[in-house]
Amino acid sequence: MPTNSDPTNSDHRELACEQVRRPYLLRSLLLFFGVCAFGVVDAIVKGHHGGVRNAIGNVSAPWAILPFFAGALVLPHRRAVGALAGAAGSVAALASYFSVRASGSDIGGQGGVFAAAGNRWFLLGLVGGLALGAGGAWLAACRRWGLLLAVVASLLVLEPAVRVLWATTKSDPLGTFVPSHFVWSAEILIGCALAIGVRFRRAWRQ
């Protein structure tokens, strides 16, 4: 019969739950601060400038990769948890972005305009974040890290390709859709490098 000084089964279960919750909370906090930092940095880089800085700020693929990774990295690797993490990550990053854009003319004089159109972007971020977060969590649960990186590589490569195709079908000047050939070339090269890395990883494991 256990005494008051001996740990009971309930005490053991409570201690085990506490040990399990700690990495969940720590990783969730790191993810939260990471997505907020992403939104802030993206807003600062874009600012009210043109050229390369504006082109970097207009790259969309990282905004899709962010909830995808949030769902993959959050614990536990469950699709429902990943979906919530992806949606929360997108909303937090957008809130940080719009807050910085609206905070002063030195960073973005048109912040009020972006804030007024924010509802559309928040809705897209919420819906897309749910889907991408669930997908990331599912791949992480299956230990399909190579496929996860392949999806990221595809997003990076396909964005410039889709925009060029869109400009071609609309007979619009490519300059309106490719404001910086340097930035989009770098995006394609990074995506190709990831794809090659995944291919070599599979070959090495075999």
C-alpha atoms as a PDB file:
ATOM      1  CA  MET A   1       0.000   0.000   0.000  1.00  0.00           C
ATOM      2  CA  PRO A   2       1.593   3.324  -1.032  1.00  0.00           C
ATOM      3  CA  THR A   3       2.290   5.878   1.628  1.00  0.00           C
ATOM      4  CA  ASN A   4       2.112   9.655   1.347  1.00  0.00           C
ATOM      5  CA  SER A   5       5.844   9.800   0.672  1.00  0.00           C
ATOM      6  CA  ASP A   6       5.725   7.318  -2.226  1.00  0.00           C
ATOM      7  CA  PRO A   7       4.796   8.425  -5.746  1.00  0.00           C
ATOM      8  CA  THR A   8       1.515   6.949  -6.896  1.00  0.00           C
ATOM      9  CA  ASN A   9       0.571   5.845 -10.388  1.00  0.00           C
ATOM     10  CA  SER A  10      -1.275   9.126 -10.796  1.00  0.00           C
ATOM     11  CA  ASP A  11       1.900  11.030  -9.940  1.00  0.00           C
ATOM     12  CA  HIS A  12       3.836   9.016 -12.519  1.00  0.00           C
ATOM     13  CA  ARG A  13       1.232   9.722 -15.186  1.00  0.00           C
ATOM     14  CA  GLU A  14       1.205  13.420 -14.392  1.00  0.00           C
ATOM     15  CA  LEU A  15       5.009  13.571 -14.577  1.00  0.00           C
ATOM     16  CA  ALA A  16       5.020  11.701 -17.883  1.00  0.00           C
ATOM     17  CA  CYS A  17       2.389  14.034 -19.348  1.00  0.00           C
ATOM     18  CA  GLU A  18       4.391  17.050 -18.229  1.00  0.00           C
ATOM     19  CA  GLN A  19       7.531  15.668 -19.886  1.00  0.00           C
ATOM     20  CA  VAL A  20       5.591  15.098 -23.106  1.00  0.00           C
ATOM     21  CA  ARG A  21       3.943  18.531 -23.095  1.00  0.00           C
ATOM     22  CA  ARG A  22       7.200  20.457 -22.722  1.00  0.00           C
ATOM     23  CA  PRO A  23       8.633  19.703 -26.195  1.00  0.00           C
ATOM     24  CA  TYR A  24       5.204  20.393 -27.712  1.00  0.00           C
ATOM     25  CA  LEU A  25       5.013  23.820 -26.084  1.00  0.00           C
ATOM     26  CA  LEU A  26       8.637  24.677 -26.833  1.00  0.00           C
ATOM     27  CA  ARG A  27       8.366  23.766 -30.495  1.00  0.00           C
ATOM     28  CA  SER A  28       5.042  25.612 -30.807  1.00  0.00           C
ATOM     29  CA  LEU A  29       6.577  28.773 -29.328  1.00  0.00           C
ATOM     30  CA  LEU A  30       9.575  28.553 -31.641  1.00  0.00           C
ATOM     31  CA  LEU A  31       7.271  28.110 -34.626  1.00  0.00           C
ATOM     32  CA  PHE A  32       5.151  31.075 -33.556  1.00  0.00           C
ATOM     33  CA  PHE A  33       8.123  33.403 -33.190  1.00  0.00           C
ATOM     34  CA  GLY A  34       9.590  32.066 -36.427  1.00  0.00           C
ATOM     35  CA  VAL A  35       6.503  32.798 -38.543  1.00  0.00           C
ATOM     36  CA  CYS A  36       6.110  36.231 -36.961  1.00  0.00           C
ATOM     37  CA  ALA A  37       9.765  37.004 -37.712  1.00  0.00           C
ATOM     38  CA  PHE A  38       9.202  35.905 -41.307  1.00  0.00           C
ATOM     39  CA  GLY A  39       6.302  38.329 -41.715  1.00  0.00           C
ATOM     40  CA  VAL A  40       8.274  41.195 -40.180  1.00  0.00           C
ATOM     41  CA  VAL A  41      11.386  40.574 -42.297  1.00  0.00           C
ATOM     42  CA  ASP A  42       9.339  40.251 -45.486  1.00  0.00           C
ATOM     43  CA  ALA A  43       7.594  43.556 -44.804  1.00  0.00           C
ATOM     44  CA  ILE A  44      10.860  45.341 -44.005  1.00  0.00           C
ATOM     45  CA  VAL A  45      12.636  43.986 -47.088  1.00  0.00           C
ATOM     46  CA  LYS A  46       9.795  45.015 -49.385  1.00  0.00           C
ATOM     47  CA  GLY A  47       9.175  48.393 -47.782  1.00  0.00           C
ATOM     48  CA  HIS A  48       8.066  50.977 -50.340  1.00  0.00           C
ATOM     49  CA  HIS A  49      11.004  50.269 -52.603  1.00  0.00           C
ATOM     50  CA  GLY A  50      11.132  48.967 -56.161  1.00  0.00           C
ATOM     51  CA  GLY A  51      13.580  46.771 -57.995  1.00  0.00           C
ATOM     52  CA  VAL A  52      15.092  43.769 -56.289  1.00  0.00           C
ATOM     53  CA  ARG A  53      13.654  44.502 -52.824  1.00  0.00           C
ATOM     54  CA  ASN A  54      10.141  44.769 -54.196  1.00  0.00           C
ATOM     55  CA  ALA A  55      10.626  41.573 -56.208  1.00  0.00           C
ATOM     56  CA  ILE A  56      11.780  39.706 -53.099  1.00  0.00           C
ATOM     57  CA  GLY A  57       8.749  40.960 -51.193  1.00  0.00           C
ATOM     58  CA  ASN A  58       6.434  39.802 -53.984  1.00  0.00           C
ATOM     59  CA  VAL A  59       7.701  36.205 -54.039  1.00  0.00           C
ATOM     60  CA  SER A  60       4.704  34.104 -53.015  1.00  0.00           C
ATOM     61  CA  ALA A  61       6.168  30.602 -52.658  1.00  0.00           C
ATOM     62  CA  PRO A  62       7.546  31.162 -49.117  1.00  0.00           C
ATOM     63  CA  TRP A  63       4.041  32.057 -47.943  1.00  0.00           C
ATOM     64  CA  ALA A  64       2.862  28.605 -49.057  1.00  0.00           C
ATOM     65  CA  ILE A  65       5.958  26.848 -47.709  1.00  0.00           C
ATOM     66  CA  LEU A  66       5.538  28.459 -44.273  1.00  0.00           C
ATOM     67  CA  PRO A  67       2.264  26.696 -43.220  1.00  0.00           C
ATOM     68  CA  PHE A  68       3.495  23.510 -44.911  1.00  0.00           C
ATOM     69  CA  PHE A  69       6.565  23.428 -42.679  1.00  0.00           C
ATOM     70  CA  ALA A  70       4.552  24.557 -39.652  1.00  0.00           C
ATOM     71  CA  GLY A  71       2.326  21.520 -40.031  1.00  0.00           C
ATOM     72  CA  ALA A  72       5.330  19.240 -40.532  1.00  0.00           C
ATOM     73  CA  LEU A  73       7.296  20.509 -37.539  1.00  0.00           C
ATOM     74  CA  VAL A  74       4.540  20.865 -34.949  1.00  0.00           C
ATOM     75  CA  LEU A  75       4.078  18.022 -32.470  1.00  0.00           C
ATOM     76  CA  PRO A  76       2.336  15.610 -32.518  1.00  0.00           C
ATOM     77  CA  HIS A  77       2.325  14.815 -36.246  1.00  0.00           C
ATOM     78  CA  ARG A  78      -1.430  14.637 -36.695  1.00  0.00           C
ATOM     79  CA  ARG A  79      -3.314  16.120 -39.617  1.00  0.00           C
ATOM     80  CA  ALA A  80      -5.755  18.024 -37.385  1.00  0.00           C
ATOM     81  CA  VAL A  81      -2.914  19.509 -35.334  1.00  0.00           C
ATOM     82  CA  GLY A  82      -0.944  20.256 -38.496  1.00  0.00           C
ATOM     83  CA  ALA A  83      -3.928  21.984 -40.088  1.00  0.00           C
ATOM     84  CA  LEU A  84      -4.359  24.221 -37.042  1.00  0.00           C
ATOM     85  CA  ALA A  85      -0.631  24.951 -36.960  1.00  0.00           C
ATOM     86  CA  GLY A  86      -0.601  25.824 -40.655  1.00  0.00           C
ATOM     87  CA  ALA A  87      -3.592  28.145 -40.373  1.00  0.00           C
ATOM     88  CA  ALA A  88      -2.264  29.788 -37.207  1.00  0.00           C
ATOM     89  CA  GLY A  89       1.158  30.208 -38.798  1.00  0.00           C
ATOM     90  CA  SER A  90      -0.271  31.888 -41.888  1.00  0.00           C
ATOM     91  CA  VAL A  91      -2.480  34.230 -39.861  1.00  0.00           C
ATOM     92  CA  ALA A  92       0.352  35.152 -37.470  1.00  0.00           C
ATOM     93  CA  ALA A  93       2.763  35.848 -40.340  1.00  0.00           C
ATOM     94  CA  LEU A  94       0.160  37.972 -42.165  1.00  0.00           C
ATOM     95  CA  ALA A  95      -0.669  39.903 -38.994  1.00  0.00           C
ATOM     96  CA  SER A  96       3.025  40.635 -38.443  1.00  0.00           C
ATOM     97  CA  TYR A  97       3.470  41.647 -42.076  1.00  0.00           C
ATOM     98  CA  PHE A  98       0.520  44.032 -42.179  1.00  0.00           C
ATOM     99  CA  SER A  99       1.391  45.501 -38.780  1.00  0.00           C
ATOM    100  CA  VAL A 100       4.874  46.440 -39.976  1.00  0.00           C
ATOM    101  CA  ARG A 101       3.598  47.728 -43.316  1.00  0.00           C
ATOM    102  CA  ALA A 102       1.137  50.006 -41.530  1.00  0.00           C
ATOM    103  CA  SER A 103       3.534  51.124 -38.798  1.00  0.00           C
ATOM    104  CA  GLY A 104       5.304  53.940 -40.609  1.00  0.00           C
ATOM    105  CA  SER A 105       6.171  55.578 -43.894  1.00  0.00           C
ATOM    106  CA  ASP A 106       9.795  54.480 -43.588  1.00  0.00           C
ATOM    107  CA  ILE A 107       8.744  50.871 -44.065  1.00  0.00           C
ATOM    108  CA  GLY A 108       5.619  51.215 -46.124  1.00  0.00           C
ATOM    109  CA  GLY A 109       3.626  54.348 -46.752  1.00  0.00           C
ATOM    110  CA  GLN A 110       0.796  52.345 -48.276  1.00  0.00           C
ATOM    111  CA  GLY A 111       0.278  50.224 -45.185  1.00  0.00           C
ATOM    112  CA  GLY A 112      -3.302  51.458 -44.814  1.00  0.00           C
ATOM    113  CA  VAL A 113      -4.174  50.270 -48.308  1.00  0.00           C
ATOM    114  CA  PHE A 114      -2.760  46.814 -47.627  1.00  0.00           C
ATOM    115  CA  ALA A 115      -4.589  46.638 -44.302  1.00  0.00           C
ATOM    116  CA  ALA A 116      -7.895  47.504 -46.009  1.00  0.00           C
ATOM    117  CA  ALA A 117      -7.399  44.597 -48.427  1.00  0.00           C
ATOM    118  CA  GLY A 118      -6.236  42.323 -45.636  1.00  0.00           C
ATOM    119  CA  ASN A 119      -9.459  40.367 -45.258  1.00  0.00           C
ATOM    120  CA  ARG A 120      -8.928  38.629 -48.600  1.00  0.00           C
ATOM    121  CA  TRP A 121      -5.367  37.649 -47.765  1.00  0.00           C
ATOM    122  CA  PHE A 122      -6.282  36.467 -44.283  1.00  0.00           C
ATOM    123  CA  LEU A 123      -9.042  34.296 -45.741  1.00  0.00           C
ATOM    124  CA  LEU A 124      -6.661  32.793 -48.294  1.00  0.00           C
ATOM    125  CA  GLY A 125      -4.047  32.285 -45.592  1.00  0.00           C
ATOM    126  CA  LEU A 126      -6.556  30.581 -43.317  1.00  0.00           C
ATOM    127  CA  VAL A 127      -7.928  28.186 -45.942  1.00  0.00           C
ATOM    128  CA  GLY A 128      -4.566  27.513 -47.570  1.00  0.00           C
ATOM    129  CA  GLY A 129      -2.884  27.165 -44.186  1.00  0.00           C
ATOM    130  CA  LEU A 130      -5.357  24.491 -43.118  1.00  0.00           C
ATOM    131  CA  ALA A 131      -4.755  22.424 -46.262  1.00  0.00           C
ATOM    132  CA  LEU A 132      -0.976  22.869 -46.404  1.00  0.00           C
ATOM    133  CA  GLY A 133      -0.538  22.331 -42.670  1.00  0.00           C
ATOM    134  CA  ALA A 134      -2.495  19.080 -42.804  1.00  0.00           C
ATOM    135  CA  GLY A 135      -0.409  17.921 -45.769  1.00  0.00           C
ATOM    136  CA  GLY A 136       2.847  18.742 -44.014  1.00  0.00           C
ATOM    137  CA  ALA A 137       1.785  16.911 -40.849  1.00  0.00           C
ATOM    138  CA  TRP A 138       0.723  13.851 -42.858  1.00  0.00           C
ATOM    139  CA  LEU A 139       4.083  13.646 -44.661  1.00  0.00           C
ATOM    140  CA  ALA A 140       5.963  14.118 -41.378  1.00  0.00           C
ATOM    141  CA  ALA A 141       3.921  11.377 -39.710  1.00  0.00           C
ATOM    142  CA  CYS A 142       4.798   9.032 -42.593  1.00  0.00           C
ATOM    143  CA  ARG A 143       8.471  10.068 -42.374  1.00  0.00           C
ATOM    144  CA  ARG A 144       8.329  11.195 -46.006  1.00  0.00           C
ATOM    145  CA  TRP A 145      10.854  13.994 -45.559  1.00  0.00           C
ATOM    146  CA  GLY A 146      12.184  13.556 -49.078  1.00  0.00           C
ATOM    147  CA  LEU A 147       8.719  14.046 -50.558  1.00  0.00           C
ATOM    148  CA  LEU A 148       8.186  17.041 -48.279  1.00  0.00           C
ATOM    149  CA  LEU A 149      11.341  18.697 -49.634  1.00  0.00           C
ATOM    150  CA  ALA A 150      10.278  17.778 -53.167  1.00  0.00           C
ATOM    151  CA  VAL A 151       7.005  19.675 -52.639  1.00  0.00           C
ATOM    152  CA  VAL A 152       8.960  22.704 -51.423  1.00  0.00           C
ATOM    153  CA  ALA A 153      11.233  22.504 -54.477  1.00  0.00           C
ATOM    154  CA  SER A 154       8.193  22.289 -56.757  1.00  0.00           C
ATOM    155  CA  LEU A 155       6.622  25.393 -55.209  1.00  0.00           C
ATOM    156  CA  LEU A 156       9.821  27.376 -55.741  1.00  0.00           C
ATOM    157  CA  VAL A 157      10.224  26.304 -59.357  1.00  0.00           C
ATOM    158  CA  LEU A 158       6.580  26.457 -60.381  1.00  0.00           C
ATOM    159  CA  GLU A 159       5.857  30.013 -59.199  1.00  0.00           C
ATOM    160  CA  PRO A 160       8.041  31.742 -61.844  1.00  0.00           C
ATOM    161  CA  ALA A 161       6.967  29.224 -64.485  1.00  0.00           C
ATOM    162  CA  VAL A 162       3.260  29.782 -63.816  1.00  0.00           C
ATOM    163  CA  ARG A 163       3.633  33.561 -63.823  1.00  0.00           C
ATOM    164  CA  VAL A 164       5.523  33.530 -67.135  1.00  0.00           C
ATOM    165  CA  LEU A 165       2.866  31.235 -68.619  1.00  0.00           C
ATOM    166  CA  TRP A 166       0.139  33.556 -67.329  1.00  0.00           C
ATOM    167  CA  ALA A 167       1.832  36.574 -68.896  1.00  0.00           C
ATOM    168  CA  THR A 168       2.204  34.702 -72.183  1.00  0.00           C
ATOM    169  CA  THR A 169      -1.449  33.674 -72.348  1.00  0.00           C
ATOM    170  CA  LYS A 170      -2.556  37.234 -71.522  1.00  0.00           C
ATOM    171  CA  SER A 171      -0.104  38.760 -74.028  1.00  0.00           C
ATOM    172  CA  ASP A 172       1.229  40.983 -71.247  1.00  0.00           C
ATOM    173  CA  PRO A 173       4.839  42.178 -71.096  1.00  0.00           C
ATOM    174  CA  LEU A 174       6.942  39.767 -69.067  1.00  0.00           C
ATOM    175  CA  GLY A 175       8.413  42.710 -67.172  1.00  0.00           C
ATOM    176  CA  THR A 176       5.128  43.209 -65.335  1.00  0.00           C
ATOM    177  CA  PHE A 177       5.271  39.641 -64.021  1.00  0.00           C
ATOM    178  CA  VAL A 178       9.051  39.277 -63.744  1.00  0.00           C
ATOM    179  CA  PRO A 179      10.148  42.492 -61.989  1.00  0.00           C
ATOM    180  CA  SER A 180      13.579  41.018 -61.236  1.00  0.00           C
ATOM    181  CA  HIS A 181      15.140  38.265 -63.318  1.00  0.00           C
ATOM    182  CA  PHE A 182      17.819  37.892 -60.640  1.00  0.00           C
ATOM    183  CA  VAL A 183      15.319  37.113 -57.863  1.00  0.00           C
ATOM    184  CA  TRP A 184      13.293  34.639 -59.874  1.00  0.00           C
ATOM    185  CA  SER A 185      16.396  32.962 -61.268  1.00  0.00           C
ATOM    186  CA  ALA A 186      17.609  32.526 -57.678  1.00  0.00           C
ATOM    187  CA  GLU A 187      14.207  31.060 -56.719  1.00  0.00           C
ATOM    188  CA  ILE A 188      14.388  28.537 -59.562  1.00  0.00           C
ATOM    189  CA  LEU A 189      17.990  27.610 -58.743  1.00  0.00           C
ATOM    190  CA  ILE A 190      17.155  27.028 -55.065  1.00  0.00           C
ATOM    191  CA  GLY A 191      14.216  24.826 -56.058  1.00  0.00           C
ATOM    192  CA  CYS A 192      16.358  22.843 -58.500  1.00  0.00           C
ATOM    193  CA  ALA A 193      19.102  22.438 -55.882  1.00  0.00           C
ATOM    194  CA  LEU A 194      16.560  21.025 -53.415  1.00  0.00           C
ATOM    195  CA  ALA A 195      15.188  18.636 -56.047  1.00  0.00           C
ATOM    196  CA  ILE A 196      18.693  17.421 -56.903  1.00  0.00           C
ATOM    197  CA  GLY A 197      19.461  16.998 -53.202  1.00  0.00           C
ATOM    198  CA  VAL A 198      16.343  14.870 -52.740  1.00  0.00           C
ATOM    199  CA  ARG A 199      17.306  12.750 -55.758  1.00  0.00           C
ATOM    200  CA  PHE A 200      20.840  12.159 -54.468  1.00  0.00           C
ATOM    201  CA  ARG A 201      19.478  11.413 -50.994  1.00  0.00           C
ATOM    202  CA  ARG A 202      17.264   8.664 -52.397  1.00  0.00           C
ATOM    203  CA  ALA A 203      20.118   7.241 -54.481  1.00  0.00           C
ATOM    204  CA  TRP A 204      22.449   7.247 -51.448  1.00  0.00           C
ATOM    205  CA  ARG A 205      19.902   5.464 -49.258  1.00  0.00           C
ATOM    206  CA  GLN A 206      19.455   2.767 -51.897  1.00  0.00           C
END
